[in-house]
Amino acid sequence: MIDQARGAGRRHERAGVWLSSGMGHPIMFDEADPLLGRLRAVALAFPDAAEKISHGHPAFFTTKIFAYYGGSVKVDGVYRQHEQSLIVLIDEGERAALLGEERCYVPAYLGAYGWIGVDLTEETDWDEVEELLDASYRRTAGPRRVAALESRRA
């Protein structure tokens, strides 16, 4: 679902999503990326979920953002891109466990607030991706939307 009513902006014709007014970041993703397509299908299935471009990356949100596609880490003063990754806000215990895995990273800027990045590949476990999105959605969506999610799953 493309959100046209939440603030001023302009439509990004190639991506089919809304850009905020005065966006100064370049688009940092490929619309034809099959991993983005698969992630988009899962993320937009959550109640009231929409997509926008934030800092050049797809961001999935209700009132607050619950996931980003693509991120970076700063290594020796240089940003290293994780172009095909999911960034989510999950429970601290789960985050600590995942950070022990090579495919996971602490994303620049958001990592200090508890977010985690998970690299995606063709071998990605999409059930796990859905679980991570679910956990992040529940932390950001608010009680009414979480209740709607619960009623769908009952």
C-alpha atoms as a PDB file:
ATOM      1  CA  MET A   1       0.000   0.000   0.000  1.00  0.00           C
ATOM      2  CA  ILE A   2       1.436   3.320  -1.030  1.00  0.00           C
ATOM      3  CA  ASP A   3       0.635   5.988   1.529  1.00  0.00           C
ATOM      4  CA  GLN A   4      -0.527   9.148  -0.206  1.00  0.00           C
ATOM      5  CA  ALA A   5      -2.236  10.847   2.736  1.00  0.00           C
ATOM      6  CA  ARG A   6       0.566  11.008   5.307  1.00  0.00           C
ATOM      7  CA  GLY A   7       2.293  14.300   4.671  1.00  0.00           C
ATOM      8  CA  ALA A   8       3.426  16.322   1.731  1.00  0.00           C
ATOM      9  CA  GLY A   9       5.731  14.844  -0.818  1.00  0.00           C
ATOM     10  CA  ARG A  10       6.087  13.652  -4.343  1.00  0.00           C
ATOM     11  CA  ARG A  11       5.687  10.261  -5.941  1.00  0.00           C
ATOM     12  CA  HIS A  12       8.874   8.463  -6.996  1.00  0.00           C
ATOM     13  CA  GLU A  13       7.726   7.105 -10.349  1.00  0.00           C
ATOM     14  CA  ARG A  14      10.250   4.267 -10.613  1.00  0.00           C
ATOM     15  CA  ALA A  15       9.812   3.015  -7.066  1.00  0.00           C
ATOM     16  CA  GLY A  16       6.074   3.750  -6.821  1.00  0.00           C
ATOM     17  CA  VAL A  17       6.404   5.148  -3.301  1.00  0.00           C
ATOM     18  CA  TRP A  18       6.209   8.596  -1.742  1.00  0.00           C
ATOM     19  CA  LEU A  19       9.226  10.765  -1.056  1.00  0.00           C
ATOM     20  CA  SER A  20       9.165  13.413   1.622  1.00  0.00           C
ATOM     21  CA  SER A  21       9.433  17.026   0.514  1.00  0.00           C
ATOM     22  CA  GLY A  22      12.977  18.249   0.139  1.00  0.00           C
ATOM     23  CA  MET A  23      14.515  14.770   0.272  1.00  0.00           C
ATOM     24  CA  GLY A  24      18.263  15.186  -0.077  1.00  0.00           C
ATOM     25  CA  HIS A  25      19.321  11.534  -0.182  1.00  0.00           C
ATOM     26  CA  PRO A  26      19.878   9.644  -3.431  1.00  0.00           C
ATOM     27  CA  ILE A  27      17.844   6.495  -4.079  1.00  0.00           C
ATOM     28  CA  MET A  28      20.018   3.663  -2.739  1.00  0.00           C
ATOM     29  CA  PHE A  29      18.173   0.576  -3.955  1.00  0.00           C
ATOM     30  CA  ASP A  30      17.233  -1.212  -7.153  1.00  0.00           C
ATOM     31  CA  GLU A  31      13.483  -1.506  -7.682  1.00  0.00           C
ATOM     32  CA  ALA A  32      14.068  -4.737  -9.636  1.00  0.00           C
ATOM     33  CA  ASP A  33      15.850  -6.385  -6.660  1.00  0.00           C
ATOM     34  CA  PRO A  34      14.020  -9.700  -6.074  1.00  0.00           C
ATOM     35  CA  LEU A  35      14.893  -9.694  -2.350  1.00  0.00           C
ATOM     36  CA  LEU A  36      13.266  -6.275  -1.979  1.00  0.00           C
ATOM     37  CA  GLY A  37      10.199  -7.564  -3.815  1.00  0.00           C
ATOM     38  CA  ARG A  38       9.879 -10.514  -1.496  1.00  0.00           C
ATOM     39  CA  LEU A  39      10.470  -8.381   1.613  1.00  0.00           C
ATOM     40  CA  ARG A  40       7.955  -5.818   0.397  1.00  0.00           C
ATOM     41  CA  ALA A  41       5.274  -8.508   0.019  1.00  0.00           C
ATOM     42  CA  VAL A  42       5.806  -9.726   3.588  1.00  0.00           C
ATOM     43  CA  ALA A  43       6.093  -6.270   5.190  1.00  0.00           C
ATOM     44  CA  LEU A  44       3.060  -4.767   3.470  1.00  0.00           C
ATOM     45  CA  ALA A  45       0.882  -7.677   4.623  1.00  0.00           C
ATOM     46  CA  PHE A  46       0.876  -6.278   8.184  1.00  0.00           C
ATOM     47  CA  PRO A  47      -2.216  -4.235   9.191  1.00  0.00           C
ATOM     48  CA  ASP A  48      -2.068  -0.631   7.913  1.00  0.00           C
ATOM     49  CA  ALA A  49       1.519  -1.082   6.700  1.00  0.00           C
ATOM     50  CA  ALA A  50       2.761   1.324   4.049  1.00  0.00           C
ATOM     51  CA  GLU A  51       6.061   2.071   2.355  1.00  0.00           C
ATOM     52  CA  LYS A  52       8.009   5.278   1.919  1.00  0.00           C
ATOM     53  CA  ILE A  53      11.553   6.241   1.020  1.00  0.00           C
ATOM     54  CA  SER A  54      13.605   7.346   4.011  1.00  0.00           C
ATOM     55  CA  HIS A  55      17.240   8.391   3.614  1.00  0.00           C
ATOM     56  CA  GLY A  56      17.287   6.751   0.181  1.00  0.00           C
ATOM     57  CA  HIS A  57      16.016   3.360   1.390  1.00  0.00           C
ATOM     58  CA  PRO A  58      12.591   1.692   1.426  1.00  0.00           C
ATOM     59  CA  ALA A  59      11.021   2.012   4.869  1.00  0.00           C
ATOM     60  CA  PHE A  60       7.933   0.132   6.037  1.00  0.00           C
ATOM     61  CA  PHE A  61       5.731   1.820   8.617  1.00  0.00           C
ATOM     62  CA  THR A  62       2.360   2.403  10.222  1.00  0.00           C
ATOM     63  CA  THR A  63       2.670   5.469  12.439  1.00  0.00           C
ATOM     64  CA  LYS A  64       6.329   4.635  13.109  1.00  0.00           C
ATOM     65  CA  ILE A  65       8.833   2.803  10.916  1.00  0.00           C
ATOM     66  CA  PHE A  66       9.115  -0.906  11.716  1.00  0.00           C
ATOM     67  CA  ALA A  67      11.618  -1.948   9.027  1.00  0.00           C
ATOM     68  CA  TYR A  68      14.114  -0.620   6.501  1.00  0.00           C
ATOM     69  CA  TYR A  69      15.625  -2.301   3.456  1.00  0.00           C
ATOM     70  CA  GLY A  70      19.338  -1.583   3.205  1.00  0.00           C
ATOM     71  CA  GLY A  71      21.742  -0.097   5.677  1.00  0.00           C
ATOM     72  CA  SER A  72      25.369   0.568   6.437  1.00  0.00           C
ATOM     73  CA  VAL A  73      28.046   0.352   9.102  1.00  0.00           C
ATOM     74  CA  LYS A  74      30.937   2.717   9.667  1.00  0.00           C
ATOM     75  CA  VAL A  75      34.295   0.930   9.528  1.00  0.00           C
ATOM     76  CA  ASP A  76      37.493   2.968   9.978  1.00  0.00           C
ATOM     77  CA  GLY A  77      35.651   6.167   9.093  1.00  0.00           C
ATOM     78  CA  VAL A  78      34.134   4.753   5.893  1.00  0.00           C
ATOM     79  CA  TYR A  79      30.551   3.550   5.464  1.00  0.00           C
ATOM     80  CA  ARG A  80      30.251  -0.053   4.284  1.00  0.00           C
ATOM     81  CA  GLN A  81      26.915  -0.665   2.590  1.00  0.00           C
ATOM     82  CA  HIS A  82      24.635  -3.607   3.329  1.00  0.00           C
ATOM     83  CA  GLU A  83      22.421  -3.030   0.308  1.00  0.00           C
ATOM     84  CA  GLN A  84      20.405  -6.227   0.643  1.00  0.00           C
ATOM     85  CA  SER A  85      19.546  -6.276   4.308  1.00  0.00           C
ATOM     86  CA  LEU A  86      16.617  -5.902   6.656  1.00  0.00           C
ATOM     87  CA  ILE A  87      16.830  -3.495   9.593  1.00  0.00           C
ATOM     88  CA  VAL A  88      14.374  -4.094  12.442  1.00  0.00           C
ATOM     89  CA  LEU A  89      13.786  -3.171  16.086  1.00  0.00           C
ATOM     90  CA  ILE A  90      13.569  -6.347  18.165  1.00  0.00           C
ATOM     91  CA  ASP A  91      13.843  -7.446  21.801  1.00  0.00           C
ATOM     92  CA  GLU A  92      17.285  -6.842  23.326  1.00  0.00           C
ATOM     93  CA  GLY A  93      17.793 -10.535  24.156  1.00  0.00           C
ATOM     94  CA  GLU A  94      17.029 -11.650  20.613  1.00  0.00           C
ATOM     95  CA  ARG A  95      19.193  -8.840  19.243  1.00  0.00           C
ATOM     96  CA  ALA A  96      22.158  -9.932  21.382  1.00  0.00           C
ATOM     97  CA  ALA A  97      21.800 -13.531  20.176  1.00  0.00           C
ATOM     98  CA  LEU A  98      21.597 -12.508  16.520  1.00  0.00           C
ATOM     99  CA  LEU A  99      24.628 -10.235  16.739  1.00  0.00           C
ATOM    100  CA  GLY A 100      26.728 -13.360  17.288  1.00  0.00           C
ATOM    101  CA  GLU A 101      25.975 -14.347  13.689  1.00  0.00           C
ATOM    102  CA  GLU A 102      28.117 -13.089  10.800  1.00  0.00           C
ATOM    103  CA  ARG A 103      25.062 -12.090   8.732  1.00  0.00           C
ATOM    104  CA  CYS A 104      23.936  -9.584  11.385  1.00  0.00           C
ATOM    105  CA  TYR A 105      25.283  -6.123  12.123  1.00  0.00           C
ATOM    106  CA  VAL A 106      24.662  -2.986  14.139  1.00  0.00           C
ATOM    107  CA  PRO A 107      23.468  -0.413  11.585  1.00  0.00           C
ATOM    108  CA  ALA A 108      24.849   3.098  11.511  1.00  0.00           C
ATOM    109  CA  TYR A 109      22.699   5.668  13.330  1.00  0.00           C
ATOM    110  CA  LEU A 110      19.874   3.254  14.265  1.00  0.00           C
ATOM    111  CA  GLY A 111      22.003   0.669  16.052  1.00  0.00           C
ATOM    112  CA  ALA A 112      22.437   2.905  19.089  1.00  0.00           C
ATOM    113  CA  TYR A 113      18.649   2.759  19.558  1.00  0.00           C
ATOM    114  CA  GLY A 114      18.382  -1.044  19.503  1.00  0.00           C
ATOM    115  CA  TRP A 115      17.934  -1.718  15.780  1.00  0.00           C
ATOM    116  CA  ILE A 116      19.717  -4.623  14.083  1.00  0.00           C
ATOM    117  CA  GLY A 117      20.603  -5.334  10.470  1.00  0.00           C
ATOM    118  CA  VAL A 118      20.295  -8.801   8.934  1.00  0.00           C
ATOM    119  CA  ASP A 119      21.838  -9.474   5.524  1.00  0.00           C
ATOM    120  CA  LEU A 120      19.493 -11.155   3.049  1.00  0.00           C
ATOM    121  CA  THR A 121      20.510 -13.655   0.365  1.00  0.00           C
ATOM    122  CA  GLU A 122      18.825 -16.177  -1.899  1.00  0.00           C
ATOM    123  CA  GLU A 123      19.188 -18.686   0.968  1.00  0.00           C
ATOM    124  CA  THR A 124      17.425 -16.460   3.488  1.00  0.00           C
ATOM    125  CA  ASP A 125      14.929 -18.161   5.797  1.00  0.00           C
ATOM    126  CA  TRP A 126      11.799 -16.138   4.991  1.00  0.00           C
ATOM    127  CA  ASP A 127       9.930 -17.558   7.978  1.00  0.00           C
ATOM    128  CA  GLU A 128      12.605 -15.929  10.156  1.00  0.00           C
ATOM    129  CA  VAL A 129      12.258 -12.675   8.211  1.00  0.00           C
ATOM    130  CA  GLU A 130       8.519 -12.716   8.886  1.00  0.00           C
ATOM    131  CA  GLU A 131       9.186 -13.347  12.599  1.00  0.00           C
ATOM    132  CA  LEU A 132      11.645 -10.432  12.751  1.00  0.00           C
ATOM    133  CA  LEU A 133       9.185  -8.140  10.979  1.00  0.00           C
ATOM    134  CA  ASP A 134       6.428  -9.302  13.329  1.00  0.00           C
ATOM    135  CA  ALA A 135       8.546  -8.529  16.404  1.00  0.00           C
ATOM    136  CA  SER A 136       9.486  -5.083  15.103  1.00  0.00           C
ATOM    137  CA  TYR A 137       5.916  -4.304  14.036  1.00  0.00           C
ATOM    138  CA  ARG A 138       4.640  -5.187  17.514  1.00  0.00           C
ATOM    139  CA  ARG A 139       7.159  -2.785  19.101  1.00  0.00           C
ATOM    140  CA  THR A 140       6.194   0.145  16.875  1.00  0.00           C
ATOM    141  CA  ALA A 141       2.612  -0.246  15.618  1.00  0.00           C
ATOM    142  CA  GLY A 142       0.531   0.542  18.707  1.00  0.00           C
ATOM    143  CA  PRO A 143      -2.100  -1.516  20.527  1.00  0.00           C
ATOM    144  CA  ARG A 144      -4.937  -1.177  17.986  1.00  0.00           C
ATOM    145  CA  ARG A 145      -2.796  -2.440  15.120  1.00  0.00           C
ATOM    146  CA  VAL A 146      -1.275  -5.224  17.222  1.00  0.00           C
ATOM    147  CA  ALA A 147      -4.839  -6.318  18.130  1.00  0.00           C
ATOM    148  CA  ALA A 148      -5.708  -6.323  14.414  1.00  0.00           C
ATOM    149  CA  LEU A 149      -2.639  -8.471  13.767  1.00  0.00           C
ATOM    150  CA  GLU A 150      -3.659 -10.870  16.557  1.00  0.00           C
ATOM    151  CA  SER A 151      -7.190 -11.189  15.144  1.00  0.00           C
ATOM    152  CA  ARG A 152      -5.782 -12.081  11.703  1.00  0.00           C
ATOM    153  CA  ARG A 153      -3.632 -14.818  13.195  1.00  0.00           C
ATOM    154  CA  ALA A 154      -6.351 -16.324  15.416  1.00  0.00           C
END
